[in-house]
Amino acid sequence: MTTGEWLLLAGGLLLVLLLGWTAWTLTRLRRLAGRVRRARAVLDAALLRRAELTAALARELAVELGPELAGELTAAAAGARSRAADDEEAAENTLGRLLRRVPDDIRFPELDDAGVRVGLARRFYNDAVRDTRVLRRQRLSRALRLHARRPLPRYFDIDDGLDAVLTGPASGRGHHPG
């Protein structure tokens, strides 16, 4: 074989590898987009459940909570259920802060369970977002403009006590960025 034939063979092999990687990456990106959609649906359902339970708590235990806290919980639950896309994290943070003011002895056990589910759903959603963003930010993905027309998914960042759920309140580990 001549040098030109070797170069042609090497170029063909490189092209086949690039096409194979591109096909694999596009498949992975499609699967990740589906994973992000499913995780977001689960997160939205968990947030809605927590808001509904909060409204029920405020309605059923208004006397024990006091008029001020019951009113704030009702308003926060309504805000969390009808939030706009740009202020959903603020509405959920407000709801979470108010829920921490509810005494443990009168809080519904289902509400604690809903809070744990929100934390876990947020973790799964943010993991899917992270995986998508990492793959889309690779040099070759950007150069080939794979999924360039789709917006990058956004993280959902609220103060939901997830560190306490995953590590336990007495673990001594502080909150770590990431």
C-alpha atoms as a PDB file:
ATOM      1  CA  MET A   1       0.000   0.000   0.000  1.00  0.00           C
ATOM      2  CA  THR A   2       1.185   3.486  -0.767  1.00  0.00           C
ATOM      3  CA  THR A   3       1.285   6.386   1.643  1.00  0.00           C
ATOM      4  CA  GLY A   4      -1.761   7.945  -0.007  1.00  0.00           C
ATOM      5  CA  GLU A   5      -3.762   4.732   0.456  1.00  0.00           C
ATOM      6  CA  TRP A   6      -2.755   4.572   4.146  1.00  0.00           C
ATOM      7  CA  LEU A   7      -3.820   8.177   4.641  1.00  0.00           C
ATOM      8  CA  LEU A   8      -7.118   7.506   2.890  1.00  0.00           C
ATOM      9  CA  LEU A   9      -7.679   4.422   5.060  1.00  0.00           C
ATOM     10  CA  ALA A  10      -6.804   6.360   8.232  1.00  0.00           C
ATOM     11  CA  GLY A  11      -9.112   9.231   7.205  1.00  0.00           C
ATOM     12  CA  GLY A  12     -11.934   6.767   6.478  1.00  0.00           C
ATOM     13  CA  LEU A  13     -11.419   5.059   9.829  1.00  0.00           C
ATOM     14  CA  LEU A  14     -11.412   8.434  11.604  1.00  0.00           C
ATOM     15  CA  LEU A  15     -14.648   9.396   9.818  1.00  0.00           C
ATOM     16  CA  VAL A  16     -16.314   6.108  10.822  1.00  0.00           C
ATOM     17  CA  LEU A  17     -15.245   6.631  14.439  1.00  0.00           C
ATOM     18  CA  LEU A  18     -16.554  10.213  14.402  1.00  0.00           C
ATOM     19  CA  LEU A  19     -19.881   9.107  12.933  1.00  0.00           C
ATOM     20  CA  GLY A  20     -20.168   6.304  15.485  1.00  0.00           C
ATOM     21  CA  TRP A  21     -19.411   8.645  18.371  1.00  0.00           C
ATOM     22  CA  THR A  22     -21.887  11.212  17.009  1.00  0.00           C
ATOM     23  CA  ALA A  23     -24.654   8.614  16.726  1.00  0.00           C
ATOM     24  CA  TRP A  24     -23.949   7.352  20.248  1.00  0.00           C
ATOM     25  CA  THR A  25     -23.892  10.902  21.645  1.00  0.00           C
ATOM     26  CA  LEU A  26     -27.132  11.899  19.927  1.00  0.00           C
ATOM     27  CA  THR A  27     -28.822   8.789  21.304  1.00  0.00           C
ATOM     28  CA  ARG A  28     -27.486   9.562  24.760  1.00  0.00           C
ATOM     29  CA  LEU A  29     -28.663  13.181  24.516  1.00  0.00           C
ATOM     30  CA  ARG A  30     -32.170  12.062  23.485  1.00  0.00           C
ATOM     31  CA  ARG A  31     -32.304   9.642  26.404  1.00  0.00           C
ATOM     32  CA  LEU A  32     -31.083  12.304  28.809  1.00  0.00           C
ATOM     33  CA  ALA A  33     -33.709  14.753  27.516  1.00  0.00           C
ATOM     34  CA  GLY A  34     -36.353  12.126  28.262  1.00  0.00           C
ATOM     35  CA  ARG A  35     -34.846  11.515  31.686  1.00  0.00           C
ATOM     36  CA  VAL A  36     -34.936  15.248  32.442  1.00  0.00           C
ATOM     37  CA  ARG A  37     -38.605  15.452  31.353  1.00  0.00           C
ATOM     38  CA  ARG A  38     -39.611  12.460  33.473  1.00  0.00           C
ATOM     39  CA  ALA A  39     -37.651  13.664  36.498  1.00  0.00           C
ATOM     40  CA  ARG A  40     -39.218  17.123  36.179  1.00  0.00           C
ATOM     41  CA  ALA A  41     -42.701  15.600  36.057  1.00  0.00           C
ATOM     42  CA  VAL A  42     -41.977  13.637  39.245  1.00  0.00           C
ATOM     43  CA  LEU A  43     -40.559  16.765  40.896  1.00  0.00           C
ATOM     44  CA  ASP A  44     -43.601  18.822  39.921  1.00  0.00           C
ATOM     45  CA  ALA A  45     -45.913  16.134  41.303  1.00  0.00           C
ATOM     46  CA  ALA A  46     -43.972  16.021  44.585  1.00  0.00           C
ATOM     47  CA  LEU A  47     -44.049  19.816  44.897  1.00  0.00           C
ATOM     48  CA  LEU A  48     -47.773  19.895  44.181  1.00  0.00           C
ATOM     49  CA  ARG A  49     -48.434  17.179  46.765  1.00  0.00           C
ATOM     50  CA  ARG A  50     -46.459  19.106  49.394  1.00  0.00           C
ATOM     51  CA  ALA A  51     -48.396  22.303  48.600  1.00  0.00           C
ATOM     52  CA  GLU A  52     -51.736  20.486  48.817  1.00  0.00           C
ATOM     53  CA  LEU A  53     -50.822  18.901  52.148  1.00  0.00           C
ATOM     54  CA  THR A  54     -49.700  22.296  53.443  1.00  0.00           C
ATOM     55  CA  ALA A  55     -53.027  23.861  52.465  1.00  0.00           C
ATOM     56  CA  ALA A  56     -54.872  21.014  54.188  1.00  0.00           C
ATOM     57  CA  LEU A  57     -52.744  21.449  57.314  1.00  0.00           C
ATOM     58  CA  ALA A  58     -53.443  25.190  57.421  1.00  0.00           C
ATOM     59  CA  ARG A  59     -57.157  24.596  56.899  1.00  0.00           C
ATOM     60  CA  GLU A  60     -57.608  21.733  59.386  1.00  0.00           C
ATOM     61  CA  LEU A  61     -55.280  22.943  62.150  1.00  0.00           C
ATOM     62  CA  ALA A  62     -55.782  26.709  61.884  1.00  0.00           C
ATOM     63  CA  VAL A  63     -56.534  27.024  65.599  1.00  0.00           C
ATOM     64  CA  GLU A  64     -53.404  25.123  66.691  1.00  0.00           C
ATOM     65  CA  LEU A  65     -51.213  27.012  64.229  1.00  0.00           C
ATOM     66  CA  GLY A  66     -52.598  30.424  65.031  1.00  0.00           C
ATOM     67  CA  PRO A  67     -54.199  32.800  62.554  1.00  0.00           C
ATOM     68  CA  GLU A  68     -50.934  34.360  61.363  1.00  0.00           C
ATOM     69  CA  LEU A  69     -49.055  31.132  60.546  1.00  0.00           C
ATOM     70  CA  ALA A  70     -52.176  29.457  59.146  1.00  0.00           C
ATOM     71  CA  GLY A  71     -52.743  32.432  56.841  1.00  0.00           C
ATOM     72  CA  GLU A  72     -49.114  32.489  55.731  1.00  0.00           C
ATOM     73  CA  LEU A  73     -49.183  28.732  55.050  1.00  0.00           C
ATOM     74  CA  THR A  74     -52.399  29.064  53.037  1.00  0.00           C
ATOM     75  CA  ALA A  75     -50.936  31.899  50.954  1.00  0.00           C
ATOM     76  CA  ALA A  76     -47.621  30.098  50.441  1.00  0.00           C
ATOM     77  CA  ALA A  77     -49.371  26.874  49.403  1.00  0.00           C
ATOM     78  CA  ALA A  78     -51.508  28.806  46.917  1.00  0.00           C
ATOM     79  CA  GLY A  79     -48.401  30.547  45.577  1.00  0.00           C
ATOM     80  CA  ALA A  80     -46.559  27.258  45.214  1.00  0.00           C
ATOM     81  CA  ARG A  81     -49.478  25.683  43.343  1.00  0.00           C
ATOM     82  CA  SER A  82     -49.916  28.572  40.906  1.00  0.00           C
ATOM     83  CA  ARG A  83     -46.348  29.730  40.514  1.00  0.00           C
ATOM     84  CA  ALA A  84     -44.928  31.210  37.349  1.00  0.00           C
ATOM     85  CA  ALA A  85     -41.812  29.674  35.810  1.00  0.00           C
ATOM     86  CA  ASP A  86     -39.602  32.573  36.886  1.00  0.00           C
ATOM     87  CA  ASP A  87     -40.515  32.537  40.570  1.00  0.00           C
ATOM     88  CA  GLU A  88     -41.157  28.856  41.303  1.00  0.00           C
ATOM     89  CA  GLU A  89     -37.980  28.421  43.355  1.00  0.00           C
ATOM     90  CA  ALA A  90     -38.817  31.491  45.457  1.00  0.00           C
ATOM     91  CA  ALA A  91     -42.360  30.208  46.069  1.00  0.00           C
ATOM     92  CA  GLU A  92     -41.063  26.783  47.103  1.00  0.00           C
ATOM     93  CA  ASN A  93     -38.429  28.315  49.385  1.00  0.00           C
ATOM     94  CA  THR A  94     -41.096  30.441  51.070  1.00  0.00           C
ATOM     95  CA  LEU A  95     -43.259  27.370  51.582  1.00  0.00           C
ATOM     96  CA  GLY A  96     -40.320  25.370  52.952  1.00  0.00           C
ATOM     97  CA  ARG A  97     -39.329  28.108  55.422  1.00  0.00           C
ATOM     98  CA  LEU A  98     -42.898  28.344  56.702  1.00  0.00           C
ATOM     99  CA  LEU A  99     -43.174  24.574  57.080  1.00  0.00           C
ATOM    100  CA  ARG A 100     -40.101  24.601  59.318  1.00  0.00           C
ATOM    101  CA  ARG A 101     -42.038  26.894  61.679  1.00  0.00           C
ATOM    102  CA  VAL A 102     -44.814  24.322  62.125  1.00  0.00           C
ATOM    103  CA  PRO A 103     -44.369  22.421  65.413  1.00  0.00           C
ATOM    104  CA  ASP A 104     -43.449  18.759  64.940  1.00  0.00           C
ATOM    105  CA  ASP A 105     -46.238  17.517  67.193  1.00  0.00           C
ATOM    106  CA  ILE A 106     -49.012  18.903  64.967  1.00  0.00           C
ATOM    107  CA  ARG A 107     -47.435  18.442  61.538  1.00  0.00           C
ATOM    108  CA  PHE A 108     -48.997  15.726  59.400  1.00  0.00           C
ATOM    109  CA  PRO A 109     -46.651  12.721  58.971  1.00  0.00           C
ATOM    110  CA  GLU A 110     -47.595  12.760  55.277  1.00  0.00           C
ATOM    111  CA  LEU A 111     -46.143  16.251  55.058  1.00  0.00           C
ATOM    112  CA  ASP A 112     -42.759  15.041  56.293  1.00  0.00           C
ATOM    113  CA  ASP A 113     -42.920  12.227  53.743  1.00  0.00           C
ATOM    114  CA  ALA A 114     -43.804  14.734  51.023  1.00  0.00           C
ATOM    115  CA  GLY A 115     -40.803  16.846  52.028  1.00  0.00           C
ATOM    116  CA  VAL A 116     -38.488  13.855  51.720  1.00  0.00           C
ATOM    117  CA  ARG A 117     -39.990  13.047  48.327  1.00  0.00           C
ATOM    118  CA  VAL A 118     -39.429  16.636  47.173  1.00  0.00           C
ATOM    119  CA  GLY A 119     -35.784  16.417  48.239  1.00  0.00           C
ATOM    120  CA  LEU A 120     -35.211  13.135  46.463  1.00  0.00           C
ATOM    121  CA  ALA A 121     -37.088  14.202  43.320  1.00  0.00           C
ATOM    122  CA  ARG A 122     -35.020  17.383  43.214  1.00  0.00           C
ATOM    123  CA  ARG A 123     -31.838  15.344  43.542  1.00  0.00           C
ATOM    124  CA  PHE A 124     -32.837  13.014  40.668  1.00  0.00           C
ATOM    125  CA  TYR A 125     -33.856  15.945  38.482  1.00  0.00           C
ATOM    126  CA  ASN A 126     -30.645  17.875  39.152  1.00  0.00           C
ATOM    127  CA  ASP A 127     -28.586  14.736  38.466  1.00  0.00           C
ATOM    128  CA  ALA A 128     -30.259  14.398  35.064  1.00  0.00           C
ATOM    129  CA  VAL A 129     -29.669  18.089  34.347  1.00  0.00           C
ATOM    130  CA  ARG A 130     -26.001  17.755  35.348  1.00  0.00           C
ATOM    131  CA  ASP A 131     -25.478  14.732  33.101  1.00  0.00           C
ATOM    132  CA  THR A 132     -27.087  16.535  30.164  1.00  0.00           C
ATOM    133  CA  ARG A 133     -25.077  19.696  30.670  1.00  0.00           C
ATOM    134  CA  VAL A 134     -21.797  17.774  30.977  1.00  0.00           C
ATOM    135  CA  LEU A 135     -22.399  15.888  27.721  1.00  0.00           C
ATOM    136  CA  ARG A 136     -23.524  18.998  25.851  1.00  0.00           C
ATOM    137  CA  ARG A 137     -20.513  20.997  27.040  1.00  0.00           C
ATOM    138  CA  GLN A 138     -17.944  18.550  25.716  1.00  0.00           C
ATOM    139  CA  ARG A 139     -15.730  20.111  23.089  1.00  0.00           C
ATOM    140  CA  LEU A 140     -16.760  17.803  20.261  1.00  0.00           C
ATOM    141  CA  SER A 141     -20.469  18.111  21.105  1.00  0.00           C
ATOM    142  CA  ARG A 142     -20.191  21.892  20.936  1.00  0.00           C
ATOM    143  CA  ALA A 143     -18.117  21.789  17.738  1.00  0.00           C
ATOM    144  CA  LEU A 144     -20.665  19.560  16.012  1.00  0.00           C
ATOM    145  CA  ARG A 145     -23.514  21.616  17.567  1.00  0.00           C
ATOM    146  CA  LEU A 146     -25.296  18.528  18.865  1.00  0.00           C
ATOM    147  CA  HIS A 147     -28.653  19.560  20.343  1.00  0.00           C
ATOM    148  CA  ALA A 148     -27.628  23.202  19.886  1.00  0.00           C
ATOM    149  CA  ARG A 149     -31.215  24.271  19.211  1.00  0.00           C
ATOM    150  CA  ARG A 150     -32.439  22.906  22.529  1.00  0.00           C
ATOM    151  CA  PRO A 151     -31.986  25.094  25.591  1.00  0.00           C
ATOM    152  CA  LEU A 152     -29.793  23.740  28.344  1.00  0.00           C
ATOM    153  CA  PRO A 153     -31.956  22.452  31.182  1.00  0.00           C
ATOM    154  CA  ARG A 154     -31.854  24.501  34.369  1.00  0.00           C
ATOM    155  CA  TYR A 155     -31.087  23.202  37.820  1.00  0.00           C
ATOM    156  CA  PHE A 156     -33.883  23.407  40.392  1.00  0.00           C
ATOM    157  CA  ASP A 157     -32.294  24.803  43.507  1.00  0.00           C
ATOM    158  CA  ILE A 158     -34.344  25.162  46.664  1.00  0.00           C
ATOM    159  CA  ASP A 159     -33.563  24.871  50.348  1.00  0.00           C
ATOM    160  CA  ASP A 160     -35.376  21.617  51.090  1.00  0.00           C
ATOM    161  CA  GLY A 161     -33.155  20.115  53.775  1.00  0.00           C
ATOM    162  CA  LEU A 162     -31.862  17.443  51.384  1.00  0.00           C
ATOM    163  CA  ASP A 163     -28.501  17.212  53.149  1.00  0.00           C
ATOM    164  CA  ALA A 164     -30.264  16.274  56.362  1.00  0.00           C
ATOM    165  CA  VAL A 165     -32.299  13.656  54.497  1.00  0.00           C
ATOM    166  CA  LEU A 166     -29.291  12.013  52.873  1.00  0.00           C
ATOM    167  CA  THR A 167     -26.696  12.355  55.623  1.00  0.00           C
ATOM    168  CA  GLY A 168     -28.791  12.633  58.771  1.00  0.00           C
ATOM    169  CA  PRO A 169     -28.949  15.632  61.083  1.00  0.00           C
ATOM    170  CA  ALA A 170     -26.277  14.295  63.438  1.00  0.00           C
ATOM    171  CA  SER A 171     -23.726  13.343  60.821  1.00  0.00           C
ATOM    172  CA  GLY A 172     -21.646  16.475  61.382  1.00  0.00           C
ATOM    173  CA  ARG A 173     -21.240  17.018  57.663  1.00  0.00           C
ATOM    174  CA  GLY A 174     -21.980  20.511  56.506  1.00  0.00           C
ATOM    175  CA  HIS A 175     -23.597  21.599  53.307  1.00  0.00           C
ATOM    176  CA  HIS A 176     -21.263  21.215  50.375  1.00  0.00           C
ATOM    177  CA  PRO A 177     -21.574  23.168  47.126  1.00  0.00           C
ATOM    178  CA  GLY A 178     -22.448  21.267  44.052  1.00  0.00           C
END
